[in-house]
């Protein structure tokens, strides 16, 4: 039984090592596997991370928000999901809180987040 648990933990640790370090306010590009019938394709979802939950556990999730055609779209992703092909960090944002729910009420230029300089 413990061998099986060790194998699963090792697999999760390998997947976690391939994920970039990102937090709320960062813009990420997620490559998601979409299954339509018997076909499978990869779709990109790019947006701002508005929260991360259960950090450093196997049940960790993060919420990404993007605006498309003046409609806000939020999607929750499990960090270690097999449907996520890869996560790319596009840019880091400067924010002062861990949950950015206030972005839901903003639109246009008001919803911009400053970029962190190197």
N, C-alpha and C. Protein backbone atom coordinates (compact mmCIF):
# COMPACT_ATOMS: atom_id res chain seq x y z
N UNK A 1 0.83 -1.20 0.00
CA UNK A 1 0.00 0.00 0.00
C UNK A 1 0.87 1.26 0.00
N UNK A 2 1.92 1.23 0.80
CA UNK A 2 2.77 2.40 0.89
C UNK A 2 3.57 2.61 -0.39
N UNK A 3 3.87 1.54 -1.10
CA UNK A 3 4.56 1.67 -2.39
C UNK A 3 3.70 2.43 -3.40
N UNK A 4 2.42 2.12 -3.39
CA UNK A 4 1.50 2.79 -4.30
C UNK A 4 1.39 4.28 -3.98
N UNK A 5 1.31 4.59 -2.70
CA UNK A 5 1.26 6.00 -2.28
C UNK A 5 2.54 6.73 -2.67
N UNK A 6 3.67 6.08 -2.50
CA UNK A 6 4.95 6.69 -2.87
C UNK A 6 5.01 6.98 -4.36
N UNK A 7 4.49 6.06 -5.18
CA UNK A 7 4.48 6.27 -6.63
C UNK A 7 3.61 7.47 -7.01
N UNK A 8 2.44 7.57 -6.38
CA UNK A 8 1.54 8.69 -6.68
C UNK A 8 2.16 10.01 -6.23
N UNK A 9 2.75 10.04 -5.04
CA UNK A 9 3.39 11.26 -4.55
C UNK A 9 4.55 11.67 -5.46
N UNK A 10 5.31 10.69 -5.93
CA UNK A 10 6.43 10.98 -6.83
C UNK A 10 5.94 11.57 -8.14
N UNK A 11 4.84 11.02 -8.67
CA UNK A 11 4.26 11.54 -9.91
C UNK A 11 3.78 12.98 -9.73
N UNK A 12 3.12 13.28 -8.61
CA UNK A 12 2.66 14.63 -8.32
C UNK A 12 3.84 15.59 -8.19
N UNK A 13 4.92 15.15 -7.54
CA UNK A 13 6.08 16.01 -7.36
C UNK A 13 6.75 16.32 -8.69
N UNK A 14 6.77 15.35 -9.62
CA UNK A 14 7.33 15.60 -10.95
C UNK A 14 6.49 16.63 -11.69
N UNK A 15 5.16 16.48 -11.61
CA UNK A 15 4.26 17.44 -12.29
C UNK A 15 4.41 18.83 -11.67
N UNK A 16 4.51 18.89 -10.33
CA UNK A 16 4.63 20.16 -9.64
C UNK A 16 5.94 20.87 -10.00
N UNK A 17 7.00 20.11 -10.26
CA UNK A 17 8.29 20.71 -10.60
C UNK A 17 8.25 21.38 -11.97
N UNK A 18 7.37 20.93 -12.85
CA UNK A 18 7.31 21.50 -14.20
C UNK A 18 6.43 22.75 -14.27
N UNK A 19 5.77 23.09 -13.16
CA UNK A 19 4.86 24.24 -13.13
C UNK A 19 5.63 25.47 -12.66
N UNK A 20 5.52 26.60 -13.38
CA UNK A 20 6.23 27.81 -12.94
C UNK A 20 5.64 28.36 -11.64
N UNK A 21 6.43 29.12 -10.93
CA UNK A 21 5.98 29.73 -9.68
C UNK A 21 5.18 30.99 -10.02
N UNK A 22 3.88 30.97 -9.79
CA UNK A 22 3.04 32.13 -10.07
C UNK A 22 2.11 32.37 -8.90
N UNK A 23 1.57 33.60 -8.85
CA UNK A 23 0.66 33.96 -7.75
C UNK A 23 -0.42 34.87 -8.30
N UNK A 24 -1.27 35.37 -7.41
CA UNK A 24 -2.37 36.24 -7.82
C UNK A 24 -1.81 37.51 -8.46
N UNK A 25 -2.44 37.94 -9.54
CA UNK A 25 -2.00 39.12 -10.26
C UNK A 25 -1.14 38.81 -11.47
N UNK A 26 -0.64 37.60 -11.56
CA UNK A 26 0.18 37.21 -12.70
C UNK A 26 -0.70 36.81 -13.88
N UNK A 27 -0.22 37.07 -15.09
CA UNK A 27 -0.92 36.64 -16.29
C UNK A 27 -0.31 35.33 -16.75
N UNK A 28 -1.16 34.32 -16.91
CA UNK A 28 -0.69 33.00 -17.31
C UNK A 28 -1.41 32.54 -18.57
N UNK A 29 -0.76 31.64 -19.28
CA UNK A 29 -1.33 31.03 -20.47
C UNK A 29 -1.39 29.54 -20.20
N UNK A 30 -2.60 28.99 -20.11
CA UNK A 30 -2.79 27.58 -19.78
C UNK A 30 -3.16 26.83 -21.05
N UNK A 31 -2.45 25.76 -21.34
CA UNK A 31 -2.75 24.90 -22.48
C UNK A 31 -3.60 23.74 -21.95
N UNK A 32 -4.89 23.72 -22.32
CA UNK A 32 -5.85 22.76 -21.79
C UNK A 32 -6.23 21.76 -22.87
N UNK A 33 -6.28 20.49 -22.50
CA UNK A 33 -6.74 19.46 -23.44
C UNK A 33 -8.26 19.49 -23.50
N UNK A 34 -8.80 19.59 -24.71
CA UNK A 34 -10.25 19.59 -24.93
C UNK A 34 -10.59 18.34 -25.72
N UNK A 35 -11.54 17.56 -25.23
CA UNK A 35 -11.95 16.34 -25.90
C UNK A 35 -13.32 16.56 -26.52
N UNK A 36 -13.40 16.42 -27.84
CA UNK A 36 -14.66 16.56 -28.57
C UNK A 36 -14.91 15.26 -29.33
N UNK A 37 -15.84 14.47 -28.83
CA UNK A 37 -16.08 13.16 -29.44
C UNK A 37 -14.87 12.27 -29.20
N UNK A 38 -14.28 11.77 -30.29
CA UNK A 38 -13.08 10.94 -30.14
C UNK A 38 -11.81 11.72 -30.52
N UNK A 39 -11.94 13.02 -30.75
CA UNK A 39 -10.79 13.87 -31.07
C UNK A 39 -10.34 14.63 -29.83
N UNK A 40 -9.07 14.92 -29.80
CA UNK A 40 -8.52 15.70 -28.69
C UNK A 40 -7.66 16.82 -29.27
N UNK A 41 -7.82 18.02 -28.72
CA UNK A 41 -7.02 19.15 -29.17
C UNK A 41 -6.61 19.96 -27.95
N UNK A 42 -5.71 20.91 -28.17
CA UNK A 42 -5.23 21.76 -27.08
C UNK A 42 -5.72 23.18 -27.32
N UNK A 43 -6.35 23.75 -26.30
CA UNK A 43 -6.87 25.11 -26.37
C UNK A 43 -6.15 25.96 -25.33
N UNK A 44 -5.80 27.18 -25.70
CA UNK A 44 -5.12 28.06 -24.77
C UNK A 44 -6.13 28.96 -24.06
N UNK A 45 -5.90 29.16 -22.77
CA UNK A 45 -6.73 30.05 -21.95
C UNK A 45 -5.77 31.01 -21.26
N UNK A 46 -5.76 32.27 -21.68
CA UNK A 46 -4.84 33.26 -21.11
C UNK A 46 -5.61 34.29 -20.32
N UNK A 47 -5.18 34.53 -19.08
CA UNK A 47 -5.84 35.52 -18.25
C UNK A 47 -5.05 35.79 -16.98
N UNK A 48 -5.67 36.56 -16.09
CA UNK A 48 -5.04 36.97 -14.84
C UNK A 48 -5.46 36.00 -13.73
N UNK A 49 -4.50 35.55 -12.95
CA UNK A 49 -4.80 34.69 -11.81
C UNK A 49 -5.41 35.56 -10.72
N UNK A 50 -6.64 35.23 -10.30
CA UNK A 50 -7.25 36.05 -9.25
C UNK A 50 -7.18 35.39 -7.88
N UNK A 51 -6.87 34.09 -7.83
CA UNK A 51 -6.66 33.46 -6.54
C UNK A 51 -6.01 32.10 -6.70
N UNK A 52 -5.35 31.65 -5.62
CA UNK A 52 -4.85 30.28 -5.51
C UNK A 52 -5.35 29.74 -4.19
N UNK A 53 -5.89 28.54 -4.21
CA UNK A 53 -6.45 27.93 -2.99
C UNK A 53 -5.68 26.66 -2.66
N UNK A 54 -5.61 26.35 -1.36
CA UNK A 54 -4.96 25.13 -0.86
C UNK A 54 -3.54 25.00 -1.39
N UNK A 55 -2.76 26.06 -1.24
CA UNK A 55 -1.41 26.08 -1.78
C UNK A 55 -0.56 25.01 -1.10
N UNK A 56 0.28 24.35 -1.90
CA UNK A 56 1.21 23.30 -1.46
C UNK A 56 0.51 22.02 -1.01
N UNK A 57 -0.72 21.78 -1.48
CA UNK A 57 -1.37 20.49 -1.27
C UNK A 57 -1.70 19.90 -2.62
N UNK A 58 -2.07 18.63 -2.64
CA UNK A 58 -2.39 17.98 -3.91
C UNK A 58 -3.73 18.44 -4.47
N UNK A 59 -4.57 19.08 -3.65
CA UNK A 59 -5.86 19.57 -4.11
C UNK A 59 -5.84 21.04 -4.47
N UNK A 60 -4.67 21.57 -4.79
CA UNK A 60 -4.55 23.00 -5.05
C UNK A 60 -5.25 23.39 -6.35
N UNK A 61 -5.98 24.51 -6.30
CA UNK A 61 -6.64 25.04 -7.48
C UNK A 61 -6.29 26.51 -7.64
N UNK A 62 -6.46 27.01 -8.86
CA UNK A 62 -6.27 28.43 -9.11
C UNK A 62 -7.34 28.90 -10.07
N UNK A 63 -7.76 30.15 -9.90
CA UNK A 63 -8.81 30.74 -10.72
C UNK A 63 -8.20 31.77 -11.66
N UNK A 64 -8.55 31.67 -12.94
CA UNK A 64 -8.03 32.57 -13.95
C UNK A 64 -9.20 33.33 -14.56
N UNK A 65 -9.03 34.64 -14.74
CA UNK A 65 -10.07 35.48 -15.29
C UNK A 65 -9.58 36.14 -16.57
N UNK A 66 -10.41 36.08 -17.60
CA UNK A 66 -10.11 36.81 -18.83
C UNK A 66 -11.37 37.49 -19.31
N UNK A 67 -11.20 38.55 -20.10
CA UNK A 67 -12.34 39.27 -20.66
C UNK A 67 -12.30 39.06 -22.17
N UNK A 68 -13.40 38.54 -22.70
CA UNK A 68 -13.50 38.27 -24.13
C UNK A 68 -14.82 38.86 -24.64
N UNK A 69 -14.74 39.79 -25.59
CA UNK A 69 -15.92 40.46 -26.14
C UNK A 69 -16.75 41.14 -25.05
N UNK A 70 -16.09 41.85 -24.17
CA UNK A 70 -16.69 42.58 -23.04
C UNK A 70 -17.43 41.66 -22.06
N UNK A 71 -17.13 40.38 -22.06
CA UNK A 71 -17.74 39.43 -21.13
C UNK A 71 -16.62 38.82 -20.31
N UNK A 72 -16.73 38.95 -18.98
CA UNK A 72 -15.74 38.37 -18.10
C UNK A 72 -15.95 36.87 -17.97
N UNK A 73 -14.87 36.11 -18.06
CA UNK A 73 -14.94 34.66 -18.00
C UNK A 73 -13.93 34.18 -16.97
N UNK A 74 -14.39 33.45 -15.98
CA UNK A 74 -13.50 32.90 -14.96
C UNK A 74 -13.53 31.38 -15.05
N UNK A 75 -12.38 30.79 -14.85
CA UNK A 75 -12.30 29.34 -14.91
C UNK A 75 -11.40 28.86 -13.79
N UNK A 76 -11.81 27.80 -13.13
CA UNK A 76 -11.05 27.22 -12.02
C UNK A 76 -10.34 25.98 -12.53
N UNK A 77 -9.03 25.93 -12.31
CA UNK A 77 -8.22 24.81 -12.75
C UNK A 77 -7.60 24.10 -11.54
N UNK A 78 -7.70 22.78 -11.46
CA UNK A 78 -6.87 22.05 -10.49
C UNK A 78 -5.42 22.09 -10.97
N UNK A 79 -4.50 22.40 -10.09
CA UNK A 79 -3.11 22.59 -10.49
C UNK A 79 -2.50 21.32 -11.08
N UNK A 80 -2.80 20.18 -10.52
CA UNK A 80 -2.20 18.93 -10.96
C UNK A 80 -3.12 18.13 -11.87
N UNK A 81 -4.01 18.80 -12.60
CA UNK A 81 -4.95 18.13 -13.47
C UNK A 81 -4.25 17.50 -14.68
N UNK A 82 -4.66 16.30 -15.08
CA UNK A 82 -4.08 15.70 -16.29
C UNK A 82 -4.54 16.41 -17.56
N UNK A 83 -5.59 17.24 -17.48
CA UNK A 83 -6.07 17.98 -18.64
C UNK A 83 -5.24 19.23 -18.94
N UNK A 84 -4.36 19.61 -18.03
CA UNK A 84 -3.50 20.76 -18.27
C UNK A 84 -2.21 20.25 -18.90
N UNK A 85 -1.97 20.69 -20.12
CA UNK A 85 -0.75 20.28 -20.84
C UNK A 85 0.46 21.02 -20.28
N UNK A 86 0.35 22.36 -20.20
CA UNK A 86 1.42 23.16 -19.61
C UNK A 86 0.89 24.52 -19.21
N UNK A 87 1.63 25.18 -18.32
CA UNK A 87 1.29 26.52 -17.86
C UNK A 87 2.49 27.41 -18.16
N UNK A 88 2.22 28.52 -18.85
CA UNK A 88 3.27 29.48 -19.16
C UNK A 88 3.01 30.77 -18.40
N UNK A 89 4.04 31.31 -17.80
CA UNK A 89 3.94 32.60 -17.12
C UNK A 89 4.22 33.69 -18.15
N UNK A 90 3.21 34.51 -18.46
CA UNK A 90 3.35 35.55 -19.47
C UNK A 90 3.98 36.80 -18.85
N UNK A 91 3.43 37.26 -17.71
CA UNK A 91 4.00 38.41 -17.02
C UNK A 91 3.59 38.39 -15.56
N UNK A 92 4.43 39.00 -14.75
CA UNK A 92 4.16 39.09 -13.31
C UNK A 92 3.48 40.42 -13.02
N UNK A 93 2.52 40.39 -12.10
CA UNK A 93 1.81 41.60 -11.75
C UNK A 93 2.14 42.05 -10.34
N UNK A 94 2.00 43.35 -10.10
CA UNK A 94 2.23 43.92 -8.77
C UNK A 94 0.87 44.11 -8.12
N UNK A 95 0.56 43.30 -7.12
CA UNK A 95 -0.69 43.42 -6.36
C UNK A 95 -0.36 43.32 -4.88
N UNK A 96 -1.27 43.80 -4.05
CA UNK A 96 -1.02 43.84 -2.62
C UNK A 96 -1.93 42.91 -1.84
N UNK A 97 -2.62 42.03 -2.53
CA UNK A 97 -3.48 41.08 -1.83
C UNK A 97 -3.48 39.75 -2.57
N UNK A 98 -4.00 38.72 -1.90
CA UNK A 98 -3.94 37.37 -2.45
C UNK A 98 -5.19 37.00 -3.24
N UNK A 99 -6.29 37.69 -3.01
CA UNK A 99 -7.54 37.41 -3.73
C UNK A 99 -7.97 38.68 -4.44
N UNK A 100 -8.08 38.63 -5.75
CA UNK A 100 -8.35 39.83 -6.54
C UNK A 100 -9.78 39.86 -7.05
N UNK A 101 -10.74 39.61 -6.16
CA UNK A 101 -12.14 39.58 -6.58
C UNK A 101 -12.65 40.96 -6.98
N UNK A 102 -11.95 42.01 -6.59
CA UNK A 102 -12.39 43.35 -6.95
C UNK A 102 -12.28 43.59 -8.46
N UNK A 103 -11.52 42.76 -9.17
CA UNK A 103 -11.41 42.89 -10.63
C UNK A 103 -12.74 42.61 -11.33
N UNK A 104 -13.63 41.88 -10.66
CA UNK A 104 -14.93 41.56 -11.26
C UNK A 104 -15.76 42.82 -11.51
N UNK A 105 -15.59 43.81 -10.68
CA UNK A 105 -16.37 45.03 -10.81
C UNK A 105 -15.72 46.09 -11.68
N UNK A 106 -14.52 45.82 -12.18
CA UNK A 106 -13.81 46.80 -12.99
C UNK A 106 -13.82 46.38 -14.45
N UNK A 107 -13.69 47.37 -15.33
CA UNK A 107 -13.61 47.05 -16.75
C UNK A 107 -12.69 48.05 -17.44
N UNK A 108 -12.21 47.69 -18.61
CA UNK A 108 -11.36 48.57 -19.38
C UNK A 108 -10.02 48.83 -18.71
N UNK A 109 -9.58 50.10 -18.79
CA UNK A 109 -8.26 50.45 -18.25
C UNK A 109 -8.21 50.34 -16.74
N UNK A 110 -9.35 50.45 -16.07
CA UNK A 110 -9.37 50.38 -14.60
C UNK A 110 -8.96 49.00 -14.11
N UNK A 111 -9.12 47.98 -14.93
CA UNK A 111 -8.82 46.62 -14.49
C UNK A 111 -7.39 46.20 -14.80
N UNK A 112 -6.56 47.14 -15.26
CA UNK A 112 -5.17 46.79 -15.54
C UNK A 112 -4.37 46.59 -14.26
N UNK A 113 -3.38 45.72 -14.35
CA UNK A 113 -2.48 45.46 -13.23
C UNK A 113 -1.08 45.83 -13.68
N UNK A 114 -0.35 46.57 -12.83
CA UNK A 114 1.02 46.96 -13.18
C UNK A 114 1.90 45.73 -13.30
N UNK A 115 2.88 45.84 -14.20
CA UNK A 115 3.81 44.73 -14.39
C UNK A 115 5.00 44.89 -13.46
N UNK A 116 5.44 43.78 -12.90
CA UNK A 116 6.59 43.80 -12.01
C UNK A 116 7.87 43.92 -12.85
N UNK A 117 8.71 44.87 -12.49
CA UNK A 117 9.98 45.06 -13.20
C UNK A 117 11.03 44.12 -12.64
N UNK A 118 11.96 43.73 -13.49
CA UNK A 118 13.02 42.81 -13.04
C UNK A 118 14.10 43.53 -12.29
